[in-house]
Protein backbone atom coordinates (compact mmCIF):
# COMPACT_ATOMS: atom_id res chain seq x y z
CA MET A 1 71.13 84.40 117.61
CA ASN A 2 72.79 86.77 119.68
CA GLY A 3 69.70 89.37 119.65
CA VAL A 4 71.54 92.12 117.60
CA THR A 5 69.52 93.41 114.91
CA ARG A 6 70.32 94.12 111.59
CA ARG A 7 69.51 97.97 112.22
CA GLU A 8 71.59 97.88 115.17
CA MET A 9 74.64 96.47 113.37
CA LEU A 10 74.31 98.64 110.56
CA LEU A 11 74.26 101.61 113.07
CA ALA A 12 77.21 100.49 115.08
CA ALA A 13 79.16 99.79 111.76
CA GLY A 14 78.35 103.42 110.62
CA GLY A 15 79.57 105.11 114.11
CA ALA A 16 82.51 103.13 113.83
CA VAL A 17 83.59 104.35 110.23
CA ALA A 18 82.45 107.90 111.11
CA GLY A 19 84.75 107.53 114.35
CA ALA A 20 87.70 106.42 112.45
CA ALA A 21 87.42 108.99 110.00
CA GLY A 22 87.28 111.54 112.60
CA LEU A 23 83.82 112.79 111.87
CA THR A 24 82.67 112.81 115.50
CA ALA A 25 80.68 115.66 117.11
CA ARG A 26 83.52 116.85 118.87
CA PRO A 27 84.60 120.52 118.30
CA ALA A 28 87.89 120.80 116.17
CA GLN A 29 91.22 120.31 117.97
CA LYS A 30 94.55 120.98 116.62
CA ARG A 31 96.30 117.91 116.50
CA ASP A 32 99.89 117.68 116.48
CA ILE A 33 101.60 114.76 114.75
CA ILE A 34 104.88 112.77 115.40
CA ASP A 35 106.53 110.92 113.30
CA ALA A 36 107.95 108.21 115.05
CA HIS A 37 109.44 105.88 112.43
CA VAL A 38 113.51 105.61 112.27
CA HIS A 39 115.22 105.57 108.75
CA VAL A 40 118.61 103.54 109.29
CA TRP A 41 120.69 102.71 106.74
CA THR A 42 124.44 101.24 106.50
CA SER A 43 127.13 101.96 104.09
CA ASP A 44 127.61 98.07 103.40
CA ILE A 45 126.09 97.93 100.05
CA GLU A 46 127.79 95.17 98.78
CA ARG A 47 125.93 93.03 101.45
CA TYR A 48 122.69 95.26 100.91
CA PRO A 49 122.54 96.64 97.43
CA LEU A 50 121.07 99.59 96.45
CA ALA A 51 117.70 99.92 94.32
CA PRO A 52 118.63 100.26 90.71
CA GLY A 53 119.06 103.67 89.68
CA PHE A 54 120.47 104.48 92.84
CA ARG A 55 124.13 105.16 93.97
CA ARG A 56 126.44 105.70 97.18
CA GLU A 57 126.38 109.52 96.00
CA HIS A 58 122.55 110.01 96.64
CA PHE A 59 123.12 109.31 100.19
CA TRP A 60 122.56 112.15 102.43
CA PHE A 61 124.89 110.83 105.12
CA PRO A 62 127.53 107.63 104.15
CA SER A 63 125.72 105.71 106.84
CA TYR A 64 123.08 106.11 109.33
CA THR A 65 123.12 103.41 111.76
CA ILE A 66 121.37 103.18 115.21
């Protein structure tokens, strides 16, 4: 046995869940969120077909590549 009691394990797990959920004792802060993922698409719909129900006219731009 590694010396960790059931009670200590439950307290640690509860603290981890509370921390992940933002339920800490810190004062409220303004949080800026940055959407850092990239949307790219090609105009080559022959090689990369569109999902059913979508057409080329649904594109905002003909292509959006890196």
